[in-house]
PDB file of N, CA and C in Angstrom:
ATOM      1  N   MET A   1     -21.738  55.328  27.163  1.00  0.00           N
ATOM      2  CA  MET A   1     -20.776  56.032  26.350  1.00  0.00           C
ATOM      3  C   MET A   1     -21.337  57.403  25.977  1.00  0.00           C
ATOM      4  N   PRO A   2     -20.744  58.455  26.496  1.00  0.00           N
ATOM      5  CA  PRO A   2     -21.274  59.799  26.230  1.00  0.00           C
ATOM      6  C   PRO A   2     -21.054  60.265  24.801  1.00  0.00           C
ATOM      7  N   ILE A   3     -20.121  59.684  24.076  1.00  0.00           N
ATOM      8  CA  ILE A   3     -19.858  60.129  22.704  1.00  0.00           C
ATOM      9  C   ILE A   3     -21.034  59.795  21.776  1.00  0.00           C
ATOM     10  N   LEU A   4     -21.807  58.781  22.127  1.00  0.00           N
ATOM     11  CA  LEU A   4     -22.917  58.390  21.266  1.00  0.00           C
ATOM     12  C   LEU A   4     -24.056  59.403  21.300  1.00  0.00           C
ATOM     13  N   GLY A   5     -24.134  60.238  22.317  1.00  0.00           N
ATOM     14  CA  GLY A   5     -25.181  61.242  22.409  1.00  0.00           C
ATOM     15  C   GLY A   5     -24.843  62.539  21.687  1.00  0.00           C
ATOM     16  N   VAL A   6     -23.695  62.607  21.045  1.00  0.00           N
ATOM     17  CA  VAL A   6     -23.256  63.839  20.394  1.00  0.00           C
ATOM     18  C   VAL A   6     -24.116  64.169  19.180  1.00  0.00           C
ATOM     19  N   TYR A   7     -24.636  63.169  18.501  1.00  0.00           N
ATOM     20  CA  TYR A   7     -25.412  63.419  17.288  1.00  0.00           C
ATOM     21  C   TYR A   7     -26.709  64.158  17.565  1.00  0.00           C
ATOM     22  N   ASN A   8     -27.104  64.240  18.814  1.00  0.00           N
ATOM     23  CA  ASN A   8     -28.371  64.869  19.168  1.00  0.00           C
ATOM     24  C   ASN A   8     -28.179  66.306  19.652  1.00  0.00           C
ATOM     25  N   CYS A   9     -27.051  66.915  19.287  1.00  0.00           N
ATOM     26  CA  CYS A   9     -26.724  68.264  19.728  1.00  0.00           C
ATOM     27  C   CYS A   9     -26.249  69.087  18.527  1.00  0.00           C
ATOM     28  N   LEU A  10     -26.570  70.363  18.514  1.00  0.00           N
ATOM     29  CA  LEU A  10     -26.230  71.234  17.392  1.00  0.00           C
ATOM     30  C   LEU A  10     -24.759  71.656  17.389  1.00  0.00           C
ATOM     31  N   THR A  11     -24.167  71.794  18.554  1.00  0.00           N
ATOM     32  CA  THR A  11     -22.824  72.361  18.667  1.00  0.00           C
ATOM     33  C   THR A  11     -21.748  71.607  17.885  1.00  0.00           C
ATOM     34  N   PRO A  12     -21.658  70.279  17.942  1.00  0.00           N
ATOM     35  CA  PRO A  12     -20.589  69.604  17.168  1.00  0.00           C
ATOM     36  C   PRO A  12     -20.698  69.829  15.667  1.00  0.00           C
ATOM     37  N   TYR A  13     -21.906  69.880  15.156  1.00  0.00           N
ATOM     38  CA  TYR A  13     -22.090  70.127  13.723  1.00  0.00           C
ATOM     39  C   TYR A  13     -21.614  71.533  13.349  1.00  0.00           C
ATOM     40  N   LEU A  14     -21.942  72.502  14.204  1.00  0.00           N
ATOM     41  CA  LEU A  14     -21.507  73.869  13.936  1.00  0.00           C
ATOM     42  C   LEU A  14     -19.994  74.009  14.058  1.00  0.00           C
ATOM     43  N   LEU A  15     -19.391  73.289  14.986  1.00  0.00           N
ATOM     44  CA  LEU A  15     -17.935  73.332  15.116  1.00  0.00           C
ATOM     45  C   LEU A  15     -17.240  72.741  13.898  1.00  0.00           C
ATOM     46  N   VAL A  16     -17.748  71.622  13.400  1.00  0.00           N
ATOM     47  CA  VAL A  16     -17.146  71.011  12.211  1.00  0.00           C
ATOM     48  C   VAL A  16     -17.348  71.924  10.999  1.00  0.00           C
ATOM     49  N   GLY A  17     -18.529  72.508  10.863  1.00  0.00           N
ATOM     50  CA  GLY A  17     -18.774  73.443   9.766  1.00  0.00           C
ATOM     51  C   GLY A  17     -17.881  74.671   9.854  1.00  0.00           C
ATOM     52  N   ALA A  18     -17.695  75.187  11.068  1.00  0.00           N
ATOM     53  CA  ALA A  18     -16.817  76.347  11.247  1.00  0.00           C
ATOM     54  C   ALA A  18     -15.362  75.983  10.966  1.00  0.00           C
ATOM     55  N   LEU A  19     -14.942  74.774  11.337  1.00  0.00           N
ATOM     56  CA  LEU A  19     -13.577  74.334  11.032  1.00  0.00           C
ATOM     57  C   LEU A  19     -13.364  74.209   9.527  1.00  0.00           C
ATOM     58  N   LEU A  20     -14.331  73.635   8.828  1.00  0.00           N
ATOM     59  CA  LEU A  20     -14.217  73.542   7.372  1.00  0.00           C
ATOM     60  C   LEU A  20     -14.121  74.929   6.746  1.00  0.00           C
ATOM     61  N   PHE A  21     -14.956  75.837   7.221  1.00  0.00           N
ATOM     62  CA  PHE A  21     -14.934  77.200   6.703  1.00  0.00           C
ATOM     63  C   PHE A  21     -13.600  77.884   7.003  1.00  0.00           C
ATOM     64  N   ALA A  22     -13.092  77.694   8.225  1.00  0.00           N
ATOM     65  CA  ALA A  22     -11.820  78.309   8.610  1.00  0.00           C
ATOM     66  C   ALA A  22     -10.659  77.722   7.802  1.00  0.00           C
ATOM     67  N   PHE A  23     -10.665  76.400   7.583  1.00  0.00           N
ATOM     68  CA  PHE A  23      -9.621  75.794   6.759  1.00  0.00           C
ATOM     69  C   PHE A  23      -9.687  76.328   5.327  1.00  0.00           C
ATOM     70  N   GLY A  24     -10.886  76.570   4.835  1.00  0.00           N
ATOM     71  CA  GLY A  24     -11.037  77.128   3.505  1.00  0.00           C
ATOM     72  C   GLY A  24     -10.488  78.543   3.409  1.00  0.00           C
ATOM     73  N   ILE A  25     -10.782  79.368   4.406  1.00  0.00           N
ATOM     74  CA  ILE A  25     -10.252  80.735   4.431  1.00  0.00           C
ATOM     75  C   ILE A  25      -8.727  80.705   4.513  1.00  0.00           C
ATOM     76  N   TYR A  26      -8.191  79.850   5.400  1.00  0.00           N
ATOM     77  CA  TYR A  26      -6.738  79.750   5.536  1.00  0.00           C
ATOM     78  C   TYR A  26      -6.103  79.275   4.224  1.00  0.00           C
ATOM     79  N   GLY A  27      -6.723  78.327   3.572  1.00  0.00           N
ATOM     80  CA  GLY A  27      -6.193  77.831   2.307  1.00  0.00           C
ATOM     81  C   GLY A  27      -6.218  78.884   1.218  1.00  0.00           C
ATOM     82  N   LEU A  28      -7.264  79.687   1.164  1.00  0.00           N
ATOM     83  CA  LEU A  28      -7.315  80.759   0.168  1.00  0.00           C
ATOM     84  C   LEU A  28      -6.228  81.795   0.392  1.00  0.00           C
ATOM     85  N   VAL A  29      -5.947  82.082   1.654  1.00  0.00           N
ATOM     86  CA  VAL A  29      -4.941  83.091   1.972  1.00  0.00           C
ATOM     87  C   VAL A  29      -3.522  82.558   1.782  1.00  0.00           C
ATOM     88  N   SER A  30      -3.295  81.293   2.144  1.00  0.00           N
ATOM     89  CA  SER A  30      -1.922  80.790   2.173  1.00  0.00           C
ATOM     90  C   SER A  30      -1.475  80.087   0.897  1.00  0.00           C
ATOM     91  N   ARG A  31      -2.387  79.560   0.099  1.00  0.00           N
ATOM     92  CA  ARG A  31      -1.992  78.810  -1.097  1.00  0.00           C
ATOM     93  C   ARG A  31      -1.513  79.739  -2.196  1.00  0.00           C
ATOM     94  N   ARG A  32      -0.548  79.254  -2.951  1.00  0.00           N
ATOM     95  CA  ARG A  32      -0.003  80.044  -4.046  1.00  0.00           C
ATOM     96  C   ARG A  32      -0.400  79.498  -5.403  1.00  0.00           C
ATOM     97  N   THR A  33      -0.961  78.306  -5.442  1.00  0.00           N
ATOM     98  CA  THR A  33      -1.358  77.741  -6.726  1.00  0.00           C
ATOM     99  C   THR A  33      -2.863  77.843  -6.892  1.00  0.00           C
ATOM    100  N   LEU A  34      -3.291  77.859  -8.125  1.00  0.00           N
ATOM    101  CA  LEU A  34      -4.720  77.986  -8.410  1.00  0.00           C
ATOM    102  C   LEU A  34      -5.493  76.738  -7.993  1.00  0.00           C
ATOM    103  N   ILE A  35      -4.874  75.568  -8.092  1.00  0.00           N
ATOM    104  CA  ILE A  35      -5.558  74.332  -7.679  1.00  0.00           C
ATOM    105  C   ILE A  35      -5.798  74.332  -6.174  1.00  0.00           C
ATOM    106  N   GLY A  36      -4.813  74.776  -5.402  1.00  0.00           N
ATOM    107  CA  GLY A  36      -4.989  74.877  -3.953  1.00  0.00           C
ATOM    108  C   GLY A  36      -6.099  75.847  -3.573  1.00  0.00           C
ATOM    109  N   MET A  37      -6.182  76.935  -4.309  1.00  0.00           N
ATOM    110  CA  MET A  37      -7.254  77.902  -4.060  1.00  0.00           C
ATOM    111  C   MET A  37      -8.612  77.324  -4.412  1.00  0.00           C
ATOM    112  N   LEU A  38      -8.662  76.523  -5.456  1.00  0.00           N
ATOM    113  CA  LEU A  38      -9.915  75.881  -5.843  1.00  0.00           C
ATOM    114  C   LEU A  38     -10.379  74.908  -4.770  1.00  0.00           C
ATOM    115  N   VAL A  39      -9.480  74.103  -4.249  1.00  0.00           N
ATOM    116  CA  VAL A  39      -9.828  73.157  -3.186  1.00  0.00           C
ATOM    117  C   VAL A  39     -10.279  73.920  -1.932  1.00  0.00           C
ATOM    118  N   SER A  40      -9.623  75.021  -1.629  1.00  0.00           N
ATOM    119  CA  SER A  40      -9.995  75.816  -0.463  1.00  0.00           C
ATOM    120  C   SER A  40     -11.384  76.431  -0.616  1.00  0.00           C
ATOM    121  N   SER A  41     -11.715  76.856  -1.819  1.00  0.00           N
ATOM    122  CA  SER A  41     -13.060  77.402  -2.018  1.00  0.00           C
ATOM    123  C   SER A  41     -14.115  76.311  -1.893  1.00  0.00           C
ATOM    124  N   GLU A  42     -13.772  75.090  -2.275  1.00  0.00           N
ATOM    125  CA  GLU A  42     -14.709  73.979  -2.078  1.00  0.00           C
ATOM    126  C   GLU A  42     -14.908  73.706  -0.583  1.00  0.00           C
ATOM    127  N   LEU A  43     -13.847  73.841   0.209  1.00  0.00           N
ATOM    128  CA  LEU A  43     -13.990  73.692   1.652  1.00  0.00           C
ATOM    129  C   LEU A  43     -14.898  74.771   2.240  1.00  0.00           C
ATOM    130  N   LEU A  44     -14.781  75.990   1.736  1.00  0.00           N
ATOM    131  CA  LEU A  44     -15.672  77.071   2.180  1.00  0.00           C
ATOM    132  C   LEU A  44     -17.135  76.714   1.935  1.00  0.00           C
ATOM    133  N   LEU A  45     -17.411  76.251   0.743  1.00  0.00           N
ATOM    134  CA  LEU A  45     -18.791  75.910   0.407  1.00  0.00           C
ATOM    135  C   LEU A  45     -19.282  74.701   1.198  1.00  0.00           C
ATOM    136  N   SER A  46     -18.412  73.754   1.473  1.00  0.00           N
ATOM    137  CA  SER A  46     -18.809  72.591   2.273  1.00  0.00           C
ATOM    138  C   SER A  46     -19.136  72.987   3.709  1.00  0.00           C
ATOM    139  N   GLY A  47     -18.356  73.899   4.264  1.00  0.00           N
ATOM    140  CA  GLY A  47     -18.647  74.379   5.612  1.00  0.00           C
ATOM    141  C   GLY A  47     -19.981  75.109   5.688  1.00  0.00           C
ATOM    142  N   ALA A  48     -20.272  75.921   4.686  1.00  0.00           N
ATOM    143  CA  ALA A  48     -21.563  76.624   4.658  1.00  0.00           C
ATOM    144  C   ALA A  48     -22.718  75.641   4.511  1.00  0.00           C
ATOM    145  N   ALA A  49     -22.558  74.640   3.656  1.00  0.00           N
ATOM    146  CA  ALA A  49     -23.622  73.652   3.472  1.00  0.00           C
ATOM    147  C   ALA A  49     -23.847  72.836   4.746  1.00  0.00           C
ATOM    148  N   MET A  50     -22.772  72.520   5.435  1.00  0.00           N
ATOM    149  CA  MET A  50     -22.925  71.756   6.674  1.00  0.00           C
ATOM    150  C   MET A  50     -23.672  72.565   7.727  1.00  0.00           C
ATOM    151  N   ASN A  51     -23.400  73.851   7.817  1.00  0.00           N
ATOM    152  CA  ASN A  51     -24.121  74.692   8.776  1.00  0.00           C
ATOM    153  C   ASN A  51     -25.592  74.814   8.392  1.00  0.00           C
ATOM    154  N   PHE A  52     -25.897  74.940   7.116  1.00  0.00           N
ATOM    155  CA  PHE A  52     -27.303  74.958   6.686  1.00  0.00           C
ATOM    156  C   PHE A  52     -28.023  73.693   7.117  1.00  0.00           C
ATOM    157  N   MET A  53     -27.394  72.550   6.889  1.00  0.00           N
ATOM    158  CA  MET A  53     -28.053  71.288   7.227  1.00  0.00           C
ATOM    159  C   MET A  53     -28.171  71.095   8.736  1.00  0.00           C
ATOM    160  N   ALA A  54     -27.188  71.571   9.496  1.00  0.00           N
ATOM    161  CA  ALA A  54     -27.273  71.458  10.957  1.00  0.00           C
ATOM    162  C   ALA A  54     -28.416  72.309  11.498  1.00  0.00           C
ATOM    163  N   PHE A  55     -28.523  73.531  11.020  1.00  0.00           N
ATOM    164  CA  PHE A  55     -29.633  74.370  11.463  1.00  0.00           C
ATOM    165  C   PHE A  55     -30.972  73.804  11.007  1.00  0.00           C
ATOM    166  N   ALA A  56     -31.002  73.202   9.842  1.00  0.00           N
ATOM    167  CA  ALA A  56     -32.254  72.611   9.363  1.00  0.00           C
ATOM    168  C   ALA A  56     -32.677  71.438  10.232  1.00  0.00           C
ATOM    169  N   ARG A  57     -31.725  70.667  10.685  1.00  0.00           N
ATOM    170  CA  ARG A  57     -32.066  69.498  11.479  1.00  0.00           C
ATOM    171  C   ARG A  57     -32.551  69.872  12.871  1.00  0.00           C
ATOM    172  N   PHE A  58     -31.958  70.891  13.484  1.00  0.00           N
ATOM    173  CA  PHE A  58     -32.252  71.174  14.882  1.00  0.00           C
ATOM    174  C   PHE A  58     -33.176  72.362  15.111  1.00  0.00           C
ATOM    175  N   ILE A  59     -33.237  73.325  14.202  1.00  0.00           N
ATOM    176  CA  ILE A  59     -33.968  74.556  14.498  1.00  0.00           C
ATOM    177  C   ILE A  59     -35.129  74.814  13.552  1.00  0.00           C
ATOM    178  N   ALA A  60     -34.955  74.572  12.276  1.00  0.00           N
ATOM    179  CA  ALA A  60     -35.940  74.980  11.272  1.00  0.00           C
ATOM    180  C   ALA A  60     -37.223  74.162  11.382  1.00  0.00           C
ATOM    181  N   PRO A  61     -38.380  74.829  11.277  1.00  0.00           N
ATOM    182  CA  PRO A  61     -39.642  74.083  11.283  1.00  0.00           C
ATOM    183  C   PRO A  61     -39.858  73.307   9.984  1.00  0.00           C
ATOM    184  N   ASP A  62     -39.318  73.820   8.877  1.00  0.00           N
ATOM    185  CA  ASP A  62     -39.433  73.143   7.583  1.00  0.00           C
ATOM    186  C   ASP A  62     -38.029  72.869   7.048  1.00  0.00           C
ATOM    187  N   PRO A  63     -37.505  71.649   7.211  1.00  0.00           N
ATOM    188  CA  PRO A  63     -36.122  71.374   6.800  1.00  0.00           C
ATOM    189  C   PRO A  63     -35.918  71.347   5.281  1.00  0.00           C
ATOM    190  N   ALA A  64     -37.002  71.353   4.518  1.00  0.00           N
ATOM    191  CA  ALA A  64     -36.866  71.294   3.062  1.00  0.00           C
ATOM    192  C   ALA A  64     -36.206  72.555   2.506  1.00  0.00           C
ATOM    193  N   ILE A  65     -36.412  73.686   3.144  1.00  0.00           N
ATOM    194  CA  ILE A  65     -35.819  74.933   2.657  1.00  0.00           C
ATOM    195  C   ILE A  65     -34.303  74.876   2.747  1.00  0.00           C
ATOM    196  N   ALA A  66     -33.782  74.420   3.885  1.00  0.00           N
ATOM    197  CA  ALA A  66     -32.327  74.311   4.026  1.00  0.00           C
ATOM    198  C   ALA A  66     -31.766  73.248   3.092  1.00  0.00           C
ATOM    199  N   GLN A  67     -32.513  72.198   2.845  1.00  0.00           N
ATOM    200  CA  GLN A  67     -32.046  71.174   1.905  1.00  0.00           C
ATOM    201  C   GLN A  67     -31.972  71.741   0.490  1.00  0.00           C
ATOM    202  N   ILE A  68     -32.919  72.589   0.133  1.00  0.00           N
ATOM    203  CA  ILE A  68     -32.884  73.230  -1.188  1.00  0.00           C
ATOM    204  C   ILE A  68     -31.678  74.165  -1.283  1.00  0.00           C
ATOM    205  N   PHE A  69     -31.415  74.942  -0.219  1.00  0.00           N
ATOM    206  CA  PHE A  69     -30.238  75.804  -0.215  1.00  0.00           C
ATOM    207  C   PHE A  69     -28.953  74.981  -0.331  1.00  0.00           C
ATOM    208  N   THR A  70     -28.898  73.853   0.347  1.00  0.00           N
ATOM    209  CA  THR A  70     -27.714  72.995   0.279  1.00  0.00           C
ATOM    210  C   THR A  70     -27.542  72.420  -1.119  1.00  0.00           C
ATOM    211  N   LEU A  71     -28.628  72.060  -1.763  1.00  0.00           N
ATOM    212  CA  LEU A  71     -28.523  71.576  -3.151  1.00  0.00           C
ATOM    213  C   LEU A  71     -28.036  72.686  -4.079  1.00  0.00           C
ATOM    214  N   PHE A  72     -28.488  73.915  -3.856  1.00  0.00           N
ATOM    215  CA  PHE A  72     -27.974  75.041  -4.643  1.00  0.00           C
ATOM    216  C   PHE A  72     -26.475  75.245  -4.401  1.00  0.00           C
ATOM    217  N   ILE A  73     -26.050  75.120  -3.145  1.00  0.00           N
ATOM    218  CA  ILE A  73     -24.626  75.260  -2.831  1.00  0.00           C
ATOM    219  C   ILE A  73     -23.829  74.175  -3.544  1.00  0.00           C
ATOM    220  N   MET A  74     -24.340  72.952  -3.555  1.00  0.00           N
ATOM    221  CA  MET A  74     -23.642  71.861  -4.236  1.00  0.00           C
ATOM    222  C   MET A  74     -23.592  72.095  -5.741  1.00  0.00           C
ATOM    223  N   ALA A  75     -24.670  72.617  -6.313  1.00  0.00           N
ATOM    224  CA  ALA A  75     -24.677  72.905  -7.749  1.00  0.00           C
ATOM    225  C   ALA A  75     -23.707  74.036  -8.078  1.00  0.00           C
ATOM    226  N   ILE A  76     -23.669  75.058  -7.233  1.00  0.00           N
ATOM    227  CA  ILE A  76     -22.722  76.158  -7.442  1.00  0.00           C
ATOM    228  C   ILE A  76     -21.291  75.650  -7.319  1.00  0.00           C
ATOM    229  N   ALA A  77     -21.031  74.763  -6.361  1.00  0.00           N
ATOM    230  CA  ALA A  77     -19.683  74.222  -6.191  1.00  0.00           C
ATOM    231  C   ALA A  77     -19.267  73.400  -7.408  1.00  0.00           C
ATOM    232  N   ALA A  78     -20.181  72.622  -7.959  1.00  0.00           N
ATOM    233  CA  ALA A  78     -19.850  71.824  -9.137  1.00  0.00           C
ATOM    234  C   ALA A  78     -19.591  72.718 -10.348  1.00  0.00           C
ATOM    235  N   ALA A  79     -20.426  73.726 -10.538  1.00  0.00           N
ATOM    236  CA  ALA A  79     -20.226  74.642 -11.662  1.00  0.00           C
ATOM    237  C   ALA A  79     -18.941  75.444 -11.486  1.00  0.00           C
ATOM    238  N   GLU A  80     -18.682  75.871 -10.267  1.00  0.00           N
ATOM    239  CA  GLU A  80     -17.456  76.627  -9.996  1.00  0.00           C
ATOM    240  C   GLU A  80     -16.222  75.776 -10.251  1.00  0.00           C
ATOM    241  N   ALA A  81     -16.278  74.511  -9.857  1.00  0.00           N
ATOM    242  CA  ALA A  81     -15.130  73.629 -10.089  1.00  0.00           C
ATOM    243  C   ALA A  81     -14.898  73.402 -11.580  1.00  0.00           C
ATOM    244  N   ALA A  82     -15.957  73.196 -12.334  1.00  0.00           N
ATOM    245  CA  ALA A  82     -15.806  72.955 -13.778  1.00  0.00           C
ATOM    246  C   ALA A  82     -15.249  74.189 -14.483  1.00  0.00           C
ATOM    247  N   ILE A  83     -15.781  75.357 -14.162  1.00  0.00           N
ATOM    248  CA  ILE A  83     -15.307  76.585 -14.795  1.00  0.00           C
ATOM    249  C   ILE A  83     -13.883  76.910 -14.356  1.00  0.00           C
ATOM    250  N   ALA A  84     -13.599  76.735 -13.070  1.00  0.00           N
ATOM    251  CA  ALA A  84     -12.258  77.046 -12.571  1.00  0.00           C
ATOM    252  C   ALA A  84     -11.202  76.123 -13.169  1.00  0.00           C
ATOM    253  N   VAL A  85     -11.514  74.844 -13.304  1.00  0.00           N
ATOM    254  CA  VAL A  85     -10.541  73.922 -13.898  1.00  0.00           C
ATOM    255  C   VAL A  85     -10.286  74.281 -15.353  1.00  0.00           C
ATOM    256  N   SER A  86     -11.324  74.671 -16.086  1.00  0.00           N
ATOM    257  CA  SER A  86     -11.101  75.064 -17.481  1.00  0.00           C
ATOM    258  C   SER A  86     -10.275  76.345 -17.572  1.00  0.00           C
ATOM    259  N   ILE A  87     -10.485  77.290 -16.671  1.00  0.00           N
ATOM    260  CA  ILE A  87      -9.678  78.503 -16.658  1.00  0.00           C
ATOM    261  C   ILE A  87      -8.237  78.181 -16.273  1.00  0.00           C
ATOM    262  N   ILE A  88      -8.053  77.298 -15.302  1.00  0.00           N
ATOM    263  CA  ILE A  88      -6.705  76.915 -14.885  1.00  0.00           C
ATOM    264  C   ILE A  88      -5.965  76.236 -16.026  1.00  0.00           C
ATOM    265  N   ILE A  89      -6.641  75.390 -16.769  1.00  0.00           N
ATOM    266  CA  ILE A  89      -6.002  74.731 -17.923  1.00  0.00           C
ATOM    267  C   ILE A  89      -5.612  75.769 -18.973  1.00  0.00           C
ATOM    268  N   ALA A  90      -6.479  76.732 -19.233  1.00  0.00           N
ATOM    269  CA  ALA A  90      -6.159  77.775 -20.208  1.00  0.00           C
ATOM    270  C   ALA A  90      -4.981  78.629 -19.746  1.00  0.00           C
ATOM    271  N   VAL A  91      -4.940  78.963 -18.458  1.00  0.00           N
ATOM    272  CA  VAL A  91      -3.822  79.744 -17.925  1.00  0.00           C
ATOM    273  C   VAL A  91      -2.534  78.935 -18.006  1.00  0.00           C
ATOM    274  N   TYR A  92      -2.598  77.636 -17.693  1.00  0.00           N
ATOM    275  CA  TYR A  92      -1.396  76.807 -17.758  1.00  0.00           C
ATOM    276  C   TYR A  92      -0.879  76.688 -19.197  1.00  0.00           C
ATOM    277  N   ARG A  93      -1.770  76.553 -20.139  1.00  0.00           N
ATOM    278  CA  ARG A  93      -1.336  76.458 -21.540  1.00  0.00           C
ATOM    279  C   ARG A  93      -0.655  77.737 -22.005  1.00  0.00           C
ATOM    280  N   HIS A  94      -1.101  78.867 -21.498  1.00  0.00           N
ATOM    281  CA  HIS A  94      -0.532  80.141 -21.935  1.00  0.00           C
ATOM    282  C   HIS A  94       0.746  80.497 -21.180  1.00  0.00           C
ATOM    283  N   TYR A  95       0.756  80.311 -19.845  1.00  0.00           N
ATOM    284  CA  TYR A  95       1.878  80.750 -19.026  1.00  0.00           C
ATOM    285  C   TYR A  95       2.809  79.616 -18.596  1.00  0.00           C
ATOM    286  N   LYS A  96       2.435  78.354 -18.820  1.00  0.00           N
ATOM    287  CA  LYS A  96       3.215  77.178 -18.412  1.00  0.00           C
ATOM    288  C   LYS A  96       3.447  77.121 -16.906  1.00  0.00           C
ATOM    289  N   SER A  97       2.523  77.686 -16.134  1.00  0.00           N
ATOM    290  CA  SER A  97       2.599  77.661 -14.680  1.00  0.00           C
ATOM    291  C   SER A  97       1.216  77.951 -14.112  1.00  0.00           C
ATOM    292  N   ILE A  98       0.939  77.371 -12.934  1.00  0.00           N
ATOM    293  CA  ILE A  98      -0.308  77.700 -12.248  1.00  0.00           C
ATOM    294  C   ILE A  98      -0.029  78.438 -10.946  1.00  0.00           C
ATOM    295  N   ASP A  99       1.222  78.833 -10.730  1.00  0.00           N
ATOM    296  CA  ASP A  99       1.571  79.631  -9.565  1.00  0.00           C
ATOM    297  C   ASP A  99       1.056  81.052  -9.762  1.00  0.00           C
ATOM    298  N   VAL A 100       0.385  81.565  -8.761  1.00  0.00           N
ATOM    299  CA  VAL A 100      -0.257  82.870  -8.873  1.00  0.00           C
ATOM    300  C   VAL A 100       0.780  83.980  -9.055  1.00  0.00           C
ATOM    301  N   ASP A 101       1.939  83.837  -8.431  1.00  0.00           N
ATOM    302  CA  ASP A 101       2.970  84.875  -8.549  1.00  0.00           C
ATOM    303  C   ASP A 101       3.582  84.928  -9.946  1.00  0.00           C
ATOM    304  N   ASP A 102       3.570  83.809 -10.665  1.00  0.00           N
ATOM    305  CA  ASP A 102       4.130  83.788 -12.016  1.00  0.00           C
ATOM    306  C   ASP A 102       3.213  84.440 -13.048  1.00  0.00           C
ATOM    307  N   ILE A 103       1.966  84.599 -12.720  1.00  0.00           N
ATOM    308  CA  ILE A 103       0.986  85.136 -13.673  1.00  0.00           C
ATOM    309  C   ILE A 103       0.871  86.636 -13.416  1.00  0.00           C
ATOM    310  N   THR A 104       1.817  87.383 -13.904  1.00  0.00           N
ATOM    311  CA  THR A 104       1.816  88.828 -13.646  1.00  0.00           C
ATOM    312  C   THR A 104       1.202  89.621 -14.784  1.00  0.00           C
ATOM    313  N   ASP A 105       1.018  89.003 -15.944  1.00  0.00           N
ATOM    314  CA  ASP A 105       0.419  89.715 -17.072  1.00  0.00           C
ATOM    315  C   ASP A 105      -1.075  89.965 -16.893  1.00  0.00           C
ATOM    316  N   LEU A 106      -1.682  89.315 -15.903  1.00  0.00           N
ATOM    317  CA  LEU A 106      -3.116  89.480 -15.693  1.00  0.00           C
ATOM    318  C   LEU A 106      -3.467  90.776 -14.968  1.00  0.00           C
ATOM    319  N   HIS A 107      -2.475  91.456 -14.404  1.00  0.00           N
ATOM    320  CA  HIS A 107      -2.774  92.715 -13.733  1.00  0.00           C
ATOM    321  C   HIS A 107      -3.192  93.759 -14.751  1.00  0.00           C
ATOM    322  N   GLY A 108      -4.337  94.393 -14.501  1.00  0.00           N
ATOM    323  CA  GLY A 108      -4.894  95.332 -15.457  1.00  0.00           C
ATOM    324  C   GLY A 108      -4.236  96.630 -15.414  1.00  0.00           C
TER     325      GLY A 108
END
């Protein structure tokens, strides 16, 4: 079964990471709600973390460095999600909507 040998190659990991990153970019551009944008930014960070770990597994002489970077990415994603959800709740309480087009008072 040739599919079982896929785990020993860098290309599938990079393709999945690039797909996650591309879905995140598409979601940021196409979504109109703040929650959709938040989920899309999490996809961006997941794609970057997956590429770090793929390069660490196949290329890096010391994989601990990429693992540390991935842990930082995960910590940034968790902090970003907590702060973004609190901002979204505050915006919803004030404007009664999370649609980006409805929030026009934020333009400086």
